[in-house]
Amino acid sequence: MKIPRFLLSPRLALFLLLPAALAAKEEVLLDFKHFTHDPDGTEFKCYQYAYNEWGNGKVIDLKGKGALVKAPSGKGQLGEDSTSLRLDKTPQVDLCFVIGNGNQARAINFILIDKDGTDQAWQIPLGELPKGTDQKVRLDLTKAVDVRQPGKKPGLDLKHLETWQISGDYTDAKVEVLLIQLVGQK
């Protein structure tokens, strides 16, 4: 069988590759699936703390799966202070997670605080999403749902972040969510 000449064209090959090159590139920014232990027992994971009703073993690290928040209420959070996380080149992020069968919470929040004290939050509704399946919710970091504290300079400085957190909705509803990754869109 003879291949038509136009299919052998270098221009056609470039044209066929163009959509792949233009597609948004993803970068894993926080990986809840990956954690390690040093021989001395020191743990390394993408978050530094879990506290309030999410503390004291209510966040369970499942290697290769994620961080399971299995808490009696939404009155808690996990996160990292003095973070090296930079989001200035990724104005949109996807939070990847699975809602557990025991979840009763209607929402969780993604919170960012920059070095001058600007504190903004994005609510992630859980109530209408199916349980037990992978979820990916896109957050536009240029459009916070809640400006909790304005800071000294207007706007959130995504290049100079101090803290990131994932928190409950501060209701009495039980939380069961497996956090998998935060992925940036370049």
N, C-alpha and C. Protein backbone atom coordinates (compact mmCIF):
# COMPACT_ATOMS: atom_id res chain seq x y z
N MET A 1 0.84 -1.17 0.00
CA MET A 1 0.00 0.00 0.00
C MET A 1 0.88 1.24 0.00
N LYS A 2 0.59 2.15 -0.88
CA LYS A 2 1.35 3.37 -0.99
C LYS A 2 0.74 4.44 -0.09
N ILE A 3 1.59 5.11 0.73
CA ILE A 3 1.13 6.15 1.64
C ILE A 3 1.01 7.45 0.85
N PRO A 4 -0.14 8.13 0.95
CA PRO A 4 -0.30 9.39 0.23
C PRO A 4 0.79 10.37 0.62
N ARG A 5 1.25 11.11 -0.35
CA ARG A 5 2.38 12.01 -0.18
C ARG A 5 2.13 13.08 0.88
N PHE A 6 0.88 13.61 0.97
CA PHE A 6 0.62 14.68 1.94
C PHE A 6 0.75 14.18 3.38
N LEU A 7 0.61 12.86 3.60
CA LEU A 7 0.77 12.32 4.95
C LEU A 7 2.23 12.26 5.37
N LEU A 8 3.14 12.34 4.43
CA LEU A 8 4.57 12.31 4.73
C LEU A 8 5.14 13.71 4.94
N SER A 9 4.34 14.72 4.81
CA SER A 9 4.79 16.10 4.90
C SER A 9 5.26 16.46 6.31
N PRO A 10 6.41 17.12 6.44
CA PRO A 10 6.87 17.58 7.75
C PRO A 10 5.91 18.61 8.35
N ARG A 11 5.24 19.39 7.50
CA ARG A 11 4.28 20.38 7.99
C ARG A 11 3.10 19.69 8.67
N LEU A 12 2.64 18.59 8.10
CA LEU A 12 1.53 17.86 8.69
C LEU A 12 1.95 17.29 10.05
N ALA A 13 3.15 16.77 10.13
CA ALA A 13 3.64 16.22 11.40
C ALA A 13 3.68 17.32 12.46
N LEU A 14 4.15 18.51 12.10
CA LEU A 14 4.20 19.64 13.02
C LEU A 14 2.78 20.04 13.43
N PHE A 15 1.87 20.08 12.48
CA PHE A 15 0.48 20.42 12.75
C PHE A 15 -0.16 19.43 13.71
N LEU A 16 0.15 18.15 13.56
CA LEU A 16 -0.43 17.12 14.43
C LEU A 16 0.15 17.19 15.85
N LEU A 17 1.38 17.65 15.98
CA LEU A 17 2.02 17.75 17.29
C LEU A 17 1.66 19.03 18.03
N LEU A 18 1.18 20.03 17.31
CA LEU A 18 0.89 21.33 17.89
C LEU A 18 -0.11 21.28 19.04
N PRO A 19 -1.24 20.57 18.94
CA PRO A 19 -2.18 20.54 20.08
C PRO A 19 -1.55 20.00 21.35
N ALA A 20 -0.70 19.01 21.26
CA ALA A 20 -0.04 18.46 22.45
C ALA A 20 0.90 19.49 23.07
N ALA A 21 1.57 20.25 22.24
CA ALA A 21 2.50 21.26 22.74
C ALA A 21 1.76 22.42 23.39
N LEU A 22 0.55 22.72 22.92
CA LEU A 22 -0.22 23.83 23.45
C LEU A 22 -1.00 23.45 24.71
N ALA A 23 -1.14 22.18 24.97
CA ALA A 23 -1.91 21.73 26.12
C ALA A 23 -1.25 22.22 27.41
N ALA A 24 -2.07 22.51 28.40
CA ALA A 24 -1.55 22.99 29.68
C ALA A 24 -0.68 21.91 30.32
N LYS A 25 0.43 22.34 30.87
CA LYS A 25 1.31 21.41 31.55
C LYS A 25 0.95 21.41 33.03
N GLU A 26 0.91 20.22 33.59
CA GLU A 26 0.59 20.09 35.00
C GLU A 26 1.87 19.89 35.81
N GLU A 27 1.83 20.41 37.02
CA GLU A 27 2.95 20.24 37.95
C GLU A 27 2.37 19.90 39.32
N VAL A 28 2.82 18.79 39.90
CA VAL A 28 2.36 18.42 41.24
C VAL A 28 3.03 19.36 42.23
N LEU A 29 2.21 20.09 42.96
CA LEU A 29 2.70 21.07 43.93
C LEU A 29 2.72 20.51 45.35
N LEU A 30 1.70 19.77 45.69
CA LEU A 30 1.62 19.08 46.98
C LEU A 30 1.22 17.65 46.70
N ASP A 31 1.99 16.71 47.20
CA ASP A 31 1.72 15.30 46.95
C ASP A 31 1.47 14.61 48.29
N PHE A 32 0.20 14.43 48.62
CA PHE A 32 -0.18 13.79 49.88
C PHE A 32 0.09 12.30 49.86
N LYS A 33 0.33 11.73 48.67
CA LYS A 33 0.60 10.29 48.54
C LYS A 33 2.01 9.92 48.96
N HIS A 34 2.91 10.89 48.93
CA HIS A 34 4.32 10.60 49.15
C HIS A 34 4.78 11.10 50.52
N PHE A 35 5.32 10.22 51.31
CA PHE A 35 5.97 10.61 52.55
C PHE A 35 7.06 9.59 52.87
N THR A 36 8.06 10.03 53.60
CA THR A 36 9.18 9.16 53.94
C THR A 36 9.51 9.30 55.42
N HIS A 37 10.27 8.34 55.91
CA HIS A 37 10.75 8.34 57.29
C HIS A 37 12.26 8.22 57.27
N ASP A 38 12.94 9.04 58.05
CA ASP A 38 14.36 8.87 58.27
C ASP A 38 14.57 7.75 59.29
N PRO A 39 15.77 7.15 59.31
CA PRO A 39 16.04 6.10 60.30
C PRO A 39 15.80 6.57 61.74
N ASP A 40 15.96 7.89 61.98
CA ASP A 40 15.73 8.40 63.35
C ASP A 40 14.24 8.61 63.66
N GLY A 41 13.37 8.31 62.69
CA GLY A 41 11.94 8.43 62.91
C GLY A 41 11.32 9.71 62.39
N THR A 42 12.15 10.65 61.93
CA THR A 42 11.63 11.90 61.39
C THR A 42 10.80 11.63 60.15
N GLU A 43 9.60 12.23 60.10
CA GLU A 43 8.72 12.07 58.95
C GLU A 43 8.83 13.27 58.02
N PHE A 44 8.77 13.01 56.74
CA PHE A 44 8.74 14.06 55.74
C PHE A 44 7.49 13.87 54.91
N LYS A 45 6.59 14.83 54.96
CA LYS A 45 5.38 14.81 54.18
C LYS A 45 5.09 16.23 53.71
N CYS A 46 4.12 16.41 52.85
CA CYS A 46 3.91 17.73 52.25
C CYS A 46 3.24 18.71 53.21
N TYR A 47 2.72 18.24 54.32
CA TYR A 47 2.15 19.16 55.30
C TYR A 47 2.92 19.04 56.60
N GLN A 48 2.85 20.08 57.40
CA GLN A 48 3.63 20.18 58.62
C GLN A 48 2.82 19.82 59.87
N TYR A 49 1.54 20.11 59.85
CA TYR A 49 0.73 19.93 61.04
C TYR A 49 -0.72 19.59 60.69
N ALA A 50 -1.39 19.03 61.65
CA ALA A 50 -2.84 18.85 61.65
C ALA A 50 -3.26 19.14 63.09
N TYR A 51 -4.26 20.00 63.26
CA TYR A 51 -4.64 20.32 64.63
C TYR A 51 -6.13 20.55 64.78
N ASN A 52 -6.49 20.94 66.02
CA ASN A 52 -7.87 20.99 66.48
C ASN A 52 -8.45 19.59 66.32
N GLU A 53 -9.65 19.45 65.82
CA GLU A 53 -10.27 18.12 65.74
C GLU A 53 -9.72 17.27 64.59
N TRP A 54 -8.74 17.79 63.86
CA TRP A 54 -8.06 17.00 62.83
C TRP A 54 -6.72 16.51 63.35
N GLY A 55 -6.33 16.90 64.55
CA GLY A 55 -5.05 16.49 65.13
C GLY A 55 -5.17 15.14 65.83
N ASN A 56 -4.10 14.76 66.49
CA ASN A 56 -4.06 13.53 67.29
C ASN A 56 -4.48 12.29 66.52
N GLY A 57 -3.88 12.10 65.36
CA GLY A 57 -4.11 10.87 64.59
C GLY A 57 -5.37 10.86 63.74
N LYS A 58 -6.05 12.00 63.61
CA LYS A 58 -7.26 12.04 62.77
C LYS A 58 -6.92 12.18 61.29
N VAL A 59 -5.65 12.49 60.98
CA VAL A 59 -5.16 12.47 59.59
C VAL A 59 -4.22 11.28 59.50
N ILE A 60 -4.57 10.35 58.63
CA ILE A 60 -3.82 9.11 58.50
C ILE A 60 -3.11 9.11 57.14
N ASP A 61 -1.79 9.01 57.17
CA ASP A 61 -1.00 9.01 55.94
C ASP A 61 -0.98 7.60 55.36
N LEU A 62 -1.53 7.46 54.17
CA LEU A 62 -1.58 6.17 53.48
C LEU A 62 -0.63 6.24 52.29
N LYS A 63 0.55 5.68 52.45
CA LYS A 63 1.59 5.76 51.43
C LYS A 63 1.07 5.29 50.07
N GLY A 64 1.28 6.12 49.07
CA GLY A 64 0.85 5.81 47.72
C GLY A 64 -0.61 6.13 47.46
N LYS A 65 -1.36 6.51 48.50
CA LYS A 65 -2.79 6.81 48.34
C LYS A 65 -3.11 8.26 48.69
N GLY A 66 -2.60 8.77 49.81
CA GLY A 66 -2.88 10.14 50.22
C GLY A 66 -2.99 10.28 51.71
N ALA A 67 -3.48 11.45 52.12
CA ALA A 67 -3.69 11.75 53.54
C ALA A 67 -5.19 11.68 53.80
N LEU A 68 -5.59 10.71 54.61
CA LEU A 68 -7.00 10.50 54.92
C LEU A 68 -7.37 11.33 56.14
N VAL A 69 -8.24 12.31 55.93
CA VAL A 69 -8.79 13.09 57.04
C VAL A 69 -10.04 12.36 57.49
N LYS A 70 -9.96 11.77 58.67
CA LYS A 70 -11.09 11.02 59.23
C LYS A 70 -11.33 11.61 60.61
N ALA A 71 -12.14 12.69 60.63
CA ALA A 71 -12.29 13.49 61.83
C ALA A 71 -13.75 13.57 62.26
N PRO A 72 -13.98 13.77 63.56
CA PRO A 72 -15.34 13.82 64.07
C PRO A 72 -16.11 15.08 63.66
N SER A 73 -15.40 16.09 63.14
CA SER A 73 -16.07 17.31 62.70
C SER A 73 -15.19 18.06 61.71
N GLY A 74 -15.74 19.14 61.19
CA GLY A 74 -14.99 20.01 60.28
C GLY A 74 -14.21 21.08 61.02
N LYS A 75 -14.04 20.92 62.31
CA LYS A 75 -13.37 21.92 63.14
C LYS A 75 -11.88 21.60 63.24
N GLY A 76 -11.18 21.67 62.13
CA GLY A 76 -9.75 21.39 62.13
C GLY A 76 -9.13 21.75 60.80
N GLN A 77 -7.83 21.60 60.74
CA GLN A 77 -7.09 21.88 59.51
C GLN A 77 -5.74 21.18 59.53
N LEU A 78 -5.19 21.11 58.32
CA LEU A 78 -3.80 20.67 58.18
C LEU A 78 -3.13 21.66 57.24
N GLY A 79 -1.82 21.77 57.34
CA GLY A 79 -1.14 22.73 56.48
C GLY A 79 0.33 22.84 56.78
N GLU A 80 0.89 23.95 56.32
CA GLU A 80 2.32 24.19 56.46
C GLU A 80 2.56 25.69 56.63
N ASP A 81 3.33 26.05 57.66
CA ASP A 81 3.77 27.43 57.86
C ASP A 81 5.18 27.56 57.31
N SER A 82 5.60 28.77 57.05
CA SER A 82 6.92 29.04 56.46
C SER A 82 7.12 28.17 55.22
N THR A 83 6.11 28.12 54.40
CA THR A 83 6.11 27.25 53.23
C THR A 83 7.02 27.76 52.12
N SER A 84 7.53 26.86 51.33
CA SER A 84 8.28 27.22 50.12
C SER A 84 7.39 27.11 48.88
N LEU A 85 6.11 26.80 49.09
CA LEU A 85 5.15 26.69 47.99
C LEU A 85 4.99 28.03 47.30
N ARG A 86 5.19 28.02 45.98
CA ARG A 86 5.00 29.22 45.16
C ARG A 86 3.93 28.92 44.13
N LEU A 87 2.99 29.84 44.02
CA LEU A 87 1.89 29.65 43.10
C LEU A 87 1.79 30.79 42.08
N ASP A 88 2.83 31.60 41.98
CA ASP A 88 2.80 32.75 41.07
C ASP A 88 2.82 32.35 39.60
N LYS A 89 3.27 31.15 39.29
CA LYS A 89 3.29 30.68 37.90
C LYS A 89 2.16 29.71 37.61
N THR A 90 1.32 29.47 38.62
CA THR A 90 0.20 28.54 38.48
C THR A 90 -1.07 29.19 39.02
N PRO A 91 -1.67 30.12 38.29
CA PRO A 91 -2.84 30.83 38.82
C PRO A 91 -4.08 29.96 38.99
N GLN A 92 -4.03 28.75 38.44
CA GLN A 92 -5.12 27.79 38.65
C GLN A 92 -4.52 26.50 39.17
N VAL A 93 -5.16 25.94 40.18
CA VAL A 93 -4.71 24.67 40.74
C VAL A 93 -5.91 23.72 40.81
N ASP A 94 -5.61 22.44 40.77
CA ASP A 94 -6.62 21.41 40.94
C ASP A 94 -6.34 20.67 42.23
N LEU A 95 -7.34 20.61 43.10
CA LEU A 95 -7.23 19.78 44.29
C LEU A 95 -7.84 18.43 43.95
N CYS A 96 -7.04 17.39 44.08
CA CYS A 96 -7.47 16.02 43.76
C CYS A 96 -7.72 15.29 45.08
N PHE A 97 -8.90 14.67 45.20
CA PHE A 97 -9.29 14.03 46.45
C PHE A 97 -10.39 13.01 46.18
N VAL A 98 -10.70 12.24 47.22
CA VAL A 98 -11.81 11.28 47.19
C VAL A 98 -12.63 11.51 48.45
N ILE A 99 -13.93 11.59 48.31
CA ILE A 99 -14.82 11.73 49.46
C ILE A 99 -15.18 10.34 49.96
N GLY A 100 -14.95 10.10 51.25
CA GLY A 100 -15.23 8.79 51.84
C GLY A 100 -16.72 8.58 52.10
N ASN A 101 -17.11 7.33 52.23
CA ASN A 101 -18.51 6.99 52.46
C ASN A 101 -19.04 7.54 53.78
N GLY A 102 -18.15 7.73 54.77
CA GLY A 102 -18.57 8.25 56.07
C GLY A 102 -18.63 9.76 56.14
N ASN A 103 -18.30 10.46 55.05
CA ASN A 103 -18.29 11.92 55.07
C ASN A 103 -19.71 12.49 55.18
N GLN A 104 -19.86 13.48 56.04
CA GLN A 104 -21.11 14.21 56.16
C GLN A 104 -20.90 15.71 55.95
N ALA A 105 -19.64 16.14 55.84
CA ALA A 105 -19.33 17.56 55.67
C ALA A 105 -19.80 18.05 54.31
N ARG A 106 -20.25 19.28 54.27
CA ARG A 106 -20.73 19.89 53.03
C ARG A 106 -19.60 20.56 52.25
N ALA A 107 -18.45 20.86 52.93
CA ALA A 107 -17.37 21.58 52.25
C ALA A 107 -16.07 21.44 53.03
N ILE A 108 -14.97 21.66 52.32
CA ILE A 108 -13.66 21.90 52.91
C ILE A 108 -13.15 23.20 52.29
N ASN A 109 -12.07 23.74 52.82
CA ASN A 109 -11.53 25.01 52.33
C ASN A 109 -10.04 24.88 52.03
N PHE A 110 -9.60 25.60 51.00
CA PHE A 110 -8.18 25.75 50.69
C PHE A 110 -7.84 27.18 51.05
N ILE A 111 -6.83 27.38 51.90
CA ILE A 111 -6.51 28.69 52.45
C ILE A 111 -5.05 29.03 52.14
N LEU A 112 -4.82 30.28 51.72
CA LEU A 112 -3.48 30.79 51.49
C LEU A 112 -3.29 32.09 52.27
N ILE A 113 -2.13 32.23 52.90
CA ILE A 113 -1.78 33.45 53.62
C ILE A 113 -0.40 33.87 53.12
N ASP A 114 -0.29 35.13 52.68
CA ASP A 114 1.02 35.59 52.18
C ASP A 114 1.81 36.26 53.32
N LYS A 115 3.03 36.67 53.01
CA LYS A 115 3.95 37.16 54.04
C LYS A 115 3.50 38.47 54.69
N ASP A 116 2.61 39.25 54.04
CA ASP A 116 2.15 40.49 54.67
C ASP A 116 0.81 40.31 55.39
N GLY A 117 0.34 39.06 55.47
CA GLY A 117 -0.86 38.77 56.25
C GLY A 117 -2.15 38.66 55.46
N THR A 118 -2.11 38.82 54.15
CA THR A 118 -3.32 38.62 53.36
C THR A 118 -3.74 37.16 53.48
N ASP A 119 -4.99 36.95 53.84
CA ASP A 119 -5.52 35.61 54.13
C ASP A 119 -6.75 35.40 53.26
N GLN A 120 -6.67 34.47 52.31
CA GLN A 120 -7.78 34.21 51.40
C GLN A 120 -8.12 32.73 51.39
N ALA A 121 -9.41 32.45 51.10
CA ALA A 121 -9.88 31.06 51.13
C ALA A 121 -10.76 30.77 49.91
N TRP A 122 -10.72 29.51 49.51
CA TRP A 122 -11.55 28.98 48.42
C TRP A 122 -12.33 27.81 49.00
N GLN A 123 -13.64 27.86 48.91
CA GLN A 123 -14.46 26.77 49.42
C GLN A 123 -14.62 25.69 48.35
N ILE A 124 -14.52 24.45 48.78
CA ILE A 124 -14.67 23.30 47.89
C ILE A 124 -15.91 22.53 48.35
N PRO A 125 -17.02 22.67 47.63
CA PRO A 125 -18.25 21.99 48.03
C PRO A 125 -18.12 20.47 47.85
N LEU A 126 -18.57 19.73 48.85
CA LEU A 126 -18.51 18.27 48.81
C LEU A 126 -19.89 17.63 48.66
N GLY A 127 -20.92 18.33 49.08
CA GLY A 127 -22.26 17.76 49.19
C GLY A 127 -22.83 17.15 47.92
N GLU A 128 -22.56 17.74 46.78
CA GLU A 128 -23.14 17.24 45.53
C GLU A 128 -22.22 16.28 44.78
N LEU A 129 -21.00 16.09 45.26
CA LEU A 129 -20.05 15.22 44.57
C LEU A 129 -20.24 13.77 45.01
N PRO A 130 -20.03 12.82 44.10
CA PRO A 130 -20.19 11.41 44.48
C PRO A 130 -19.08 10.94 45.41
N LYS A 131 -19.43 10.05 46.29
CA LYS A 131 -18.47 9.47 47.23
C LYS A 131 -17.74 8.31 46.57
N GLY A 132 -16.48 8.11 46.97
CA GLY A 132 -15.72 6.94 46.53
C GLY A 132 -15.09 7.05 45.16
N THR A 133 -15.17 8.20 44.51
CA THR A 133 -14.55 8.36 43.19
C THR A 133 -13.58 9.53 43.21
N ASP A 134 -12.59 9.48 42.32
CA ASP A 134 -11.61 10.56 42.22
C ASP A 134 -12.32 11.85 41.83
N GLN A 135 -11.97 12.92 42.54
CA GLN A 135 -12.50 14.25 42.25
C GLN A 135 -11.34 15.18 41.94
N LYS A 136 -11.59 16.12 41.07
CA LYS A 136 -10.59 17.14 40.74
C LYS A 136 -11.35 18.46 40.64
N VAL A 137 -11.10 19.34 41.62
CA VAL A 137 -11.78 20.63 41.65
C VAL A 137 -10.76 21.72 41.33
N ARG A 138 -11.06 22.52 40.32
CA ARG A 138 -10.17 23.59 39.89
C ARG A 138 -10.47 24.85 40.70
N LEU A 139 -9.39 25.47 41.20
CA LEU A 139 -9.49 26.70 41.96
C LEU A 139 -8.74 27.80 41.21
N ASP A 140 -9.40 28.92 40.98
CA ASP A 140 -8.77 30.07 40.35
C ASP A 140 -8.19 30.93 41.47
N LEU A 141 -6.89 30.95 41.60
CA LEU A 141 -6.24 31.64 42.71
C LEU A 141 -6.30 33.16 42.58
N THR A 142 -6.77 33.67 41.46
CA THR A 142 -6.94 35.12 41.30
C THR A 142 -8.32 35.57 41.77
N LYS A 143 -9.19 34.62 42.15
CA LYS A 143 -10.56 34.94 42.55
C LYS A 143 -10.94 34.18 43.82
N ALA A 144 -10.49 34.69 44.95
CA ALA A 144 -10.81 34.03 46.23
C ALA A 144 -12.30 34.14 46.52
N VAL A 145 -12.82 33.12 47.16
CA VAL A 145 -14.22 33.13 47.58
C VAL A 145 -14.37 34.00 48.83
N ASP A 146 -13.34 34.02 49.68
CA ASP A 146 -13.41 34.74 50.94
C ASP A 146 -12.06 35.39 51.23
N VAL A 147 -12.06 36.72 51.37
CA VAL A 147 -10.86 37.44 51.82
C VAL A 147 -11.02 37.57 53.33
N ARG A 148 -10.33 36.69 54.04
CA ARG A 148 -10.50 36.63 55.49
C ARG A 148 -9.74 37.72 56.21
N GLN A 149 -8.64 38.19 55.62
CA GLN A 149 -7.82 39.27 56.18
C GLN A 149 -7.16 39.97 55.01
N PRO A 150 -7.27 41.30 54.90
CA PRO A 150 -6.72 41.98 53.73
C PRO A 150 -5.19 42.10 53.69
N GLY A 151 -4.49 42.09 54.79
CA GLY A 151 -3.04 42.25 54.77
C GLY A 151 -2.65 43.70 54.61
N LYS A 152 -1.34 43.97 54.57
CA LYS A 152 -0.84 45.33 54.47
C LYS A 152 -0.91 45.87 53.05
N LYS A 153 -0.66 45.01 52.05
CA LYS A 153 -0.73 45.40 50.64
C LYS A 153 -1.95 44.73 50.03
N PRO A 154 -2.63 45.41 49.10
CA PRO A 154 -3.81 44.78 48.47
C PRO A 154 -3.42 43.56 47.65
N GLY A 155 -4.27 42.54 47.69
CA GLY A 155 -4.07 41.34 46.89
C GLY A 155 -3.18 40.32 47.55
N LEU A 156 -3.34 39.08 47.10
CA LEU A 156 -2.56 37.95 47.60
C LEU A 156 -1.30 37.81 46.77
N ASP A 157 -0.15 37.79 47.40
CA ASP A 157 1.13 37.63 46.72
C ASP A 157 1.45 36.14 46.63
N LEU A 158 1.14 35.55 45.47
CA LEU A 158 1.32 34.10 45.28
C LEU A 158 2.79 33.69 45.22
N LYS A 159 3.67 34.66 45.06
CA LYS A 159 5.11 34.36 45.02
C LYS A 159 5.70 34.27 46.43
N HIS A 160 5.10 34.99 47.36
CA HIS A 160 5.63 35.06 48.73
C HIS A 160 4.58 34.59 49.73
N LEU A 161 4.30 33.31 49.71
CA LEU A 161 3.32 32.74 50.62
C LEU A 161 3.98 32.38 51.94
N GLU A 162 3.23 32.50 53.00
CA GLU A 162 3.70 32.12 54.33
C GLU A 162 3.07 30.79 54.76
N THR A 163 1.78 30.61 54.47
CA THR A 163 1.04 29.46 54.97
C THR A 163 0.06 28.97 53.92
N TRP A 164 -0.11 27.66 53.84
CA TRP A 164 -1.24 27.06 53.13
C TRP A 164 -1.92 26.11 54.09
N GLN A 165 -3.23 25.98 53.93
CA GLN A 165 -3.99 25.06 54.79
C GLN A 165 -5.15 24.47 54.00
N ILE A 166 -5.56 23.31 54.42
CA ILE A 166 -6.84 22.74 54.03
C ILE A 166 -7.59 22.59 55.34
N SER A 167 -8.77 23.18 55.39
CA SER A 167 -9.53 23.17 56.64
C SER A 167 -10.93 22.63 56.41
N GLY A 168 -11.55 22.29 57.52
CA GLY A 168 -12.95 21.90 57.47
C GLY A 168 -13.82 23.14 57.37
N ASP A 169 -15.12 22.92 57.38
CA ASP A 169 -16.06 24.04 57.29
C ASP A 169 -16.51 24.52 58.67
N TYR A 170 -15.91 24.01 59.70
CA TYR A 170 -16.16 24.37 61.10
C TYR A 170 -17.60 24.12 61.53
N THR A 171 -18.16 23.03 61.00
CA THR A 171 -19.45 22.54 61.47
C THR A 171 -19.21 21.25 62.23
N ASP A 172 -20.27 20.69 62.81
CA ASP A 172 -20.15 19.45 63.57
C ASP A 172 -20.18 18.21 62.68
N ALA A 173 -20.38 18.38 61.38
CA ALA A 173 -20.48 17.23 60.47
C ALA A 173 -19.15 16.50 60.36
N LYS A 174 -19.23 15.16 60.38
CA LYS A 174 -18.04 14.30 60.29
C LYS A 174 -17.37 14.46 58.92
N VAL A 175 -16.03 14.48 58.93
CA VAL A 175 -15.24 14.62 57.70
C VAL A 175 -14.52 13.31 57.40
N GLU A 176 -14.64 12.86 56.17
CA GLU A 176 -13.87 11.72 55.69
C GLU A 176 -13.50 12.00 54.24
N VAL A 177 -12.28 12.52 54.06
CA VAL A 177 -11.79 12.91 52.74
C VAL A 177 -10.34 12.45 52.60
N LEU A 178 -10.04 11.80 51.47
CA LEU A 178 -8.67 11.40 51.15
C LEU A 178 -8.08 12.47 50.25
N LEU A 179 -7.11 13.23 50.77
CA LEU A 179 -6.41 14.24 49.98
C LEU A 179 -5.31 13.55 49.18
N ILE A 180 -5.26 13.81 47.88
CA ILE A 180 -4.31 13.11 47.02
C ILE A 180 -3.20 14.05 46.54
N GLN A 181 -3.56 15.11 45.83
CA GLN A 181 -2.56 16.04 45.31
C GLN A 181 -3.16 17.41 45.08
N LEU A 182 -2.28 18.41 45.06
CA LEU A 182 -2.61 19.73 44.56
C LEU A 182 -1.75 19.89 43.32
N VAL A 183 -2.41 20.10 42.18
CA VAL A 183 -1.72 20.14 40.89
C VAL A 183 -1.87 21.53 40.29
N GLY A 184 -0.76 22.12 39.86
CA GLY A 184 -0.79 23.44 39.24
C GLY A 184 -0.89 23.34 37.74
N GLN A 185 -1.55 24.31 37.15
CA GLN A 185 -1.70 24.39 35.69
C GLN A 185 -0.80 25.52 35.21
N LYS A 186 0.17 25.17 34.36
CA LYS A 186 1.10 26.20 33.82
C LYS A 186 0.57 26.74 32.53
